[in-house]
Amino acid sequence: MNINKTAEGSFLKIKVDGRLDTTTAPQLEEELKASLDGVTDLAMDFADLEYISSAGLRVLLSAQKTMNKQGSMKVLNVNETIMEIFDITGFADILTIEN
């Protein structure tokens, strides 16, 4: 998994590619914890995300809870496979998803 961050003022875009699973979720979690101070607008770009596991979903839920307190979070460029996982797990109702 690769994580690319782009910050501009209180806006942060995090592009995640590869697999977000039990092995890589802690890496994203640490990155988010270190980066969300002062961020009011978070965008997660999943254009190149191939797979997300329950561990990855937990990190997303945690980020969403944090951003609910300090601003907003969007998930961008979700492919069919990831969208199906979001639909089945109910995350499609929790997250703001823009394609």
N, C-alpha and C. Protein backbone atom coordinates (compact mmCIF):
# COMPACT_ATOMS: atom_id res chain seq x y z
N MET A 1 0.84 -1.18 0.00
CA MET A 1 0.00 0.00 0.00
C MET A 1 0.88 1.24 0.00
N ASN A 2 0.47 2.23 -0.76
CA ASN A 2 1.14 3.53 -0.78
C ASN A 2 0.17 4.60 -0.31
N ILE A 3 0.68 5.58 0.41
CA ILE A 3 -0.12 6.70 0.89
C ILE A 3 0.55 7.99 0.40
N ASN A 4 -0.21 8.81 -0.31
CA ASN A 4 0.28 10.11 -0.76
C ASN A 4 -0.60 11.20 -0.16
N LYS A 5 0.03 12.17 0.50
CA LYS A 5 -0.72 13.25 1.14
C LYS A 5 -0.50 14.56 0.39
N THR A 6 -1.59 15.33 0.26
CA THR A 6 -1.51 16.68 -0.27
C THR A 6 -2.27 17.57 0.70
N ALA A 7 -1.57 18.54 1.28
CA ALA A 7 -2.21 19.44 2.24
C ALA A 7 -2.19 20.86 1.70
N GLU A 8 -3.31 21.55 1.92
CA GLU A 8 -3.41 22.95 1.52
C GLU A 8 -4.28 23.66 2.56
N GLY A 9 -3.64 24.39 3.46
CA GLY A 9 -4.39 25.02 4.54
C GLY A 9 -5.03 23.97 5.43
N SER A 10 -6.34 24.06 5.59
CA SER A 10 -7.06 23.11 6.44
C SER A 10 -7.63 21.93 5.63
N PHE A 11 -7.23 21.84 4.35
CA PHE A 11 -7.66 20.75 3.48
C PHE A 11 -6.56 19.71 3.38
N LEU A 12 -6.93 18.43 3.52
CA LEU A 12 -5.98 17.34 3.38
C LEU A 12 -6.57 16.28 2.47
N LYS A 13 -5.78 15.89 1.45
CA LYS A 13 -6.19 14.80 0.56
C LYS A 13 -5.20 13.66 0.76
N ILE A 14 -5.74 12.49 1.03
CA ILE A 14 -4.92 11.29 1.20
C ILE A 14 -5.31 10.29 0.12
N LYS A 15 -4.33 9.96 -0.73
CA LYS A 15 -4.56 8.99 -1.80
C LYS A 15 -3.95 7.67 -1.36
N VAL A 16 -4.79 6.65 -1.36
CA VAL A 16 -4.36 5.32 -0.92
C VAL A 16 -4.45 4.38 -2.11
N ASP A 17 -3.34 3.68 -2.39
CA ASP A 17 -3.43 2.68 -3.44
C ASP A 17 -2.87 1.34 -2.97
N GLY A 18 -3.32 0.29 -3.62
CA GLY A 18 -2.93 -1.06 -3.21
C GLY A 18 -4.02 -1.71 -2.38
N ARG A 19 -3.61 -2.36 -1.30
CA ARG A 19 -4.54 -3.09 -0.44
C ARG A 19 -4.56 -2.47 0.96
N LEU A 20 -5.75 -2.19 1.44
CA LEU A 20 -5.92 -1.68 2.80
C LEU A 20 -6.48 -2.84 3.62
N ASP A 21 -5.57 -3.54 4.31
CA ASP A 21 -5.96 -4.75 5.04
C ASP A 21 -5.30 -4.78 6.42
N THR A 22 -5.34 -5.91 7.07
CA THR A 22 -4.81 -6.06 8.43
C THR A 22 -3.35 -5.63 8.52
N THR A 23 -2.59 -5.90 7.48
CA THR A 23 -1.17 -5.57 7.46
C THR A 23 -0.92 -4.08 7.29
N THR A 24 -1.72 -3.43 6.44
CA THR A 24 -1.45 -2.03 6.08
C THR A 24 -2.31 -1.01 6.82
N ALA A 25 -3.44 -1.44 7.40
CA ALA A 25 -4.34 -0.51 8.09
C ALA A 25 -3.64 0.29 9.21
N PRO A 26 -2.76 -0.34 10.01
CA PRO A 26 -2.08 0.44 11.06
C PRO A 26 -1.23 1.59 10.49
N GLN A 27 -0.67 1.39 9.31
CA GLN A 27 0.11 2.44 8.66
C GLN A 27 -0.77 3.65 8.33
N LEU A 28 -1.96 3.40 7.77
CA LEU A 28 -2.88 4.49 7.45
C LEU A 28 -3.40 5.15 8.73
N GLU A 29 -3.68 4.34 9.73
CA GLU A 29 -4.16 4.86 11.01
C GLU A 29 -3.15 5.83 11.62
N GLU A 30 -1.88 5.45 11.62
CA GLU A 30 -0.82 6.32 12.16
C GLU A 30 -0.70 7.61 11.35
N GLU A 31 -0.78 7.47 10.04
CA GLU A 31 -0.70 8.63 9.14
C GLU A 31 -1.83 9.61 9.43
N LEU A 32 -3.03 9.09 9.61
CA LEU A 32 -4.19 9.94 9.90
C LEU A 32 -4.04 10.62 11.26
N LYS A 33 -3.66 9.86 12.27
CA LYS A 33 -3.48 10.43 13.61
C LYS A 33 -2.48 11.59 13.59
N ALA A 34 -1.42 11.43 12.82
CA ALA A 34 -0.37 12.44 12.75
C ALA A 34 -0.77 13.64 11.89
N SER A 35 -1.78 13.48 11.05
CA SER A 35 -2.08 14.51 10.05
C SER A 35 -3.36 15.31 10.26
N LEU A 36 -4.27 14.86 11.12
CA LEU A 36 -5.60 15.47 11.17
C LEU A 36 -5.72 16.72 12.05
N ASP A 37 -4.68 17.07 12.81
CA ASP A 37 -4.74 18.28 13.61
C ASP A 37 -4.95 19.51 12.72
N GLY A 38 -6.02 20.26 12.98
CA GLY A 38 -6.27 21.47 12.22
C GLY A 38 -6.93 21.26 10.87
N VAL A 39 -7.18 20.00 10.51
CA VAL A 39 -7.82 19.71 9.22
C VAL A 39 -9.33 19.79 9.39
N THR A 40 -9.99 20.57 8.52
CA THR A 40 -11.45 20.66 8.57
C THR A 40 -12.10 19.99 7.36
N ASP A 41 -11.29 19.68 6.35
CA ASP A 41 -11.81 19.07 5.13
C ASP A 41 -10.85 17.95 4.71
N LEU A 42 -11.30 16.71 4.86
CA LEU A 42 -10.48 15.54 4.53
C LEU A 42 -11.07 14.83 3.32
N ALA A 43 -10.23 14.55 2.34
CA ALA A 43 -10.64 13.77 1.17
C ALA A 43 -9.76 12.53 1.10
N MET A 44 -10.41 11.38 1.02
CA MET A 44 -9.69 10.11 0.87
C MET A 44 -9.90 9.66 -0.58
N ASP A 45 -8.81 9.59 -1.34
CA ASP A 45 -8.89 9.21 -2.76
C ASP A 45 -8.56 7.72 -2.91
N PHE A 46 -9.55 6.96 -3.34
CA PHE A 46 -9.40 5.51 -3.46
C PHE A 46 -9.34 5.05 -4.93
N ALA A 47 -8.93 5.94 -5.84
CA ALA A 47 -8.89 5.60 -7.27
C ALA A 47 -8.08 4.33 -7.54
N ASP A 48 -7.00 4.13 -6.79
CA ASP A 48 -6.13 2.98 -7.02
C ASP A 48 -6.16 1.96 -5.88
N LEU A 49 -7.22 2.02 -5.07
CA LEU A 49 -7.37 1.04 -3.98
C LEU A 49 -7.98 -0.23 -4.56
N GLU A 50 -7.31 -1.35 -4.34
CA GLU A 50 -7.75 -2.63 -4.92
C GLU A 50 -8.64 -3.43 -3.97
N TYR A 51 -8.41 -3.26 -2.66
CA TYR A 51 -9.09 -4.11 -1.68
C TYR A 51 -9.13 -3.40 -0.34
N ILE A 52 -10.22 -3.59 0.40
CA ILE A 52 -10.30 -3.07 1.77
C ILE A 52 -10.89 -4.16 2.66
N SER A 53 -10.25 -4.41 3.79
CA SER A 53 -10.72 -5.42 4.74
C SER A 53 -11.44 -4.74 5.90
N SER A 54 -11.88 -5.54 6.85
CA SER A 54 -12.56 -4.98 8.02
C SER A 54 -11.61 -4.07 8.81
N ALA A 55 -10.32 -4.39 8.80
CA ALA A 55 -9.34 -3.53 9.49
C ALA A 55 -9.28 -2.16 8.82
N GLY A 56 -9.34 -2.15 7.50
CA GLY A 56 -9.36 -0.89 6.76
C GLY A 56 -10.64 -0.10 7.01
N LEU A 57 -11.76 -0.81 7.09
CA LEU A 57 -13.05 -0.17 7.37
C LEU A 57 -13.02 0.48 8.76
N ARG A 58 -12.38 -0.19 9.72
CA ARG A 58 -12.29 0.35 11.07
C ARG A 58 -11.52 1.68 11.08
N VAL A 59 -10.44 1.74 10.30
CA VAL A 59 -9.65 2.97 10.21
C VAL A 59 -10.49 4.09 9.58
N LEU A 60 -11.27 3.74 8.54
CA LEU A 60 -12.14 4.73 7.91
C LEU A 60 -13.19 5.25 8.88
N LEU A 61 -13.78 4.34 9.65
CA LEU A 61 -14.80 4.73 10.62
C LEU A 61 -14.21 5.65 11.68
N SER A 62 -13.03 5.34 12.14
CA SER A 62 -12.34 6.17 13.12
C SER A 62 -12.07 7.57 12.56
N ALA A 63 -11.61 7.63 11.31
CA ALA A 63 -11.36 8.92 10.66
C ALA A 63 -12.65 9.71 10.51
N GLN A 64 -13.74 9.01 10.16
CA GLN A 64 -15.04 9.68 10.00
C GLN A 64 -15.50 10.27 11.33
N LYS A 65 -15.34 9.53 12.42
CA LYS A 65 -15.73 10.02 13.74
C LYS A 65 -14.93 11.26 14.12
N THR A 66 -13.63 11.23 13.86
CA THR A 66 -12.77 12.38 14.14
C THR A 66 -13.22 13.59 13.32
N MET A 67 -13.46 13.38 12.04
CA MET A 67 -13.82 14.49 11.16
C MET A 67 -15.22 15.00 11.44
N ASN A 68 -16.11 14.17 11.98
CA ASN A 68 -17.45 14.64 12.37
C ASN A 68 -17.33 15.74 13.43
N LYS A 69 -16.29 15.67 14.25
CA LYS A 69 -16.09 16.64 15.32
C LYS A 69 -15.43 17.92 14.83
N GLN A 70 -14.64 17.83 13.75
CA GLN A 70 -13.84 18.99 13.35
C GLN A 70 -14.05 19.46 11.92
N GLY A 71 -14.93 18.79 11.19
CA GLY A 71 -15.16 19.22 9.81
C GLY A 71 -15.89 18.15 9.01
N SER A 72 -15.39 17.87 7.81
CA SER A 72 -16.06 16.89 6.95
C SER A 72 -15.04 15.99 6.27
N MET A 73 -15.53 14.83 5.85
CA MET A 73 -14.69 13.85 5.17
C MET A 73 -15.44 13.32 3.96
N LYS A 74 -14.73 13.21 2.84
CA LYS A 74 -15.29 12.63 1.61
C LYS A 74 -14.40 11.49 1.17
N VAL A 75 -15.02 10.48 0.57
CA VAL A 75 -14.28 9.38 -0.06
C VAL A 75 -14.49 9.52 -1.56
N LEU A 76 -13.39 9.60 -2.30
CA LEU A 76 -13.44 9.88 -3.73
C LEU A 76 -13.01 8.68 -4.56
N ASN A 77 -13.54 8.60 -5.78
CA ASN A 77 -13.08 7.65 -6.80
C ASN A 77 -13.11 6.19 -6.34
N VAL A 78 -14.25 5.77 -5.84
CA VAL A 78 -14.40 4.40 -5.34
C VAL A 78 -14.77 3.48 -6.51
N ASN A 79 -14.00 2.39 -6.69
CA ASN A 79 -14.32 1.45 -7.77
C ASN A 79 -15.47 0.52 -7.36
N GLU A 80 -15.93 -0.29 -8.31
CA GLU A 80 -17.10 -1.15 -8.07
C GLU A 80 -16.87 -2.14 -6.93
N THR A 81 -15.68 -2.72 -6.88
CA THR A 81 -15.37 -3.72 -5.86
C THR A 81 -15.45 -3.12 -4.46
N ILE A 82 -14.83 -1.96 -4.27
CA ILE A 82 -14.83 -1.30 -2.96
C ILE A 82 -16.25 -0.81 -2.63
N MET A 83 -16.95 -0.29 -3.64
CA MET A 83 -18.32 0.19 -3.42
C MET A 83 -19.23 -0.94 -2.96
N GLU A 84 -19.03 -2.11 -3.52
CA GLU A 84 -19.83 -3.28 -3.12
C GLU A 84 -19.58 -3.60 -1.64
N ILE A 85 -18.33 -3.51 -1.21
CA ILE A 85 -18.00 -3.74 0.20
C ILE A 85 -18.67 -2.68 1.07
N PHE A 86 -18.63 -1.41 0.63
CA PHE A 86 -19.28 -0.32 1.37
C PHE A 86 -20.79 -0.56 1.47
N ASP A 87 -21.40 -1.03 0.38
CA ASP A 87 -22.85 -1.30 0.37
C ASP A 87 -23.21 -2.43 1.34
N ILE A 88 -22.48 -3.53 1.26
CA ILE A 88 -22.77 -4.71 2.08
C ILE A 88 -22.60 -4.42 3.56
N THR A 89 -21.58 -3.63 3.91
CA THR A 89 -21.27 -3.35 5.31
C THR A 89 -22.06 -2.18 5.88
N GLY A 90 -22.78 -1.44 5.01
CA GLY A 90 -23.52 -0.28 5.48
C GLY A 90 -22.68 0.99 5.50
N PHE A 91 -21.42 0.90 5.10
CA PHE A 91 -20.56 2.08 5.08
C PHE A 91 -21.00 3.09 4.04
N ALA A 92 -21.73 2.64 3.02
CA ALA A 92 -22.23 3.55 2.00
C ALA A 92 -23.19 4.57 2.62
N ASP A 93 -23.83 4.18 3.73
CA ASP A 93 -24.76 5.09 4.43
C ASP A 93 -24.05 6.02 5.40
N ILE A 94 -22.85 5.64 5.83
CA ILE A 94 -22.10 6.40 6.82
C ILE A 94 -21.18 7.43 6.16
N LEU A 95 -20.54 7.03 5.05
CA LEU A 95 -19.55 7.86 4.39
C LEU A 95 -20.15 8.75 3.33
N THR A 96 -19.52 9.87 3.06
CA THR A 96 -19.88 10.71 1.91
C THR A 96 -18.98 10.27 0.77
N ILE A 97 -19.59 9.64 -0.24
CA ILE A 97 -18.83 9.05 -1.34
C ILE A 97 -19.12 9.84 -2.62
N GLU A 98 -18.05 10.29 -3.27
CA GLU A 98 -18.18 11.00 -4.54
C GLU A 98 -17.32 10.31 -5.58
N ASN A 99 -17.92 10.03 -6.73
CA ASN A 99 -17.15 9.39 -7.80
C ASN A 99 -16.95 10.34 -8.97
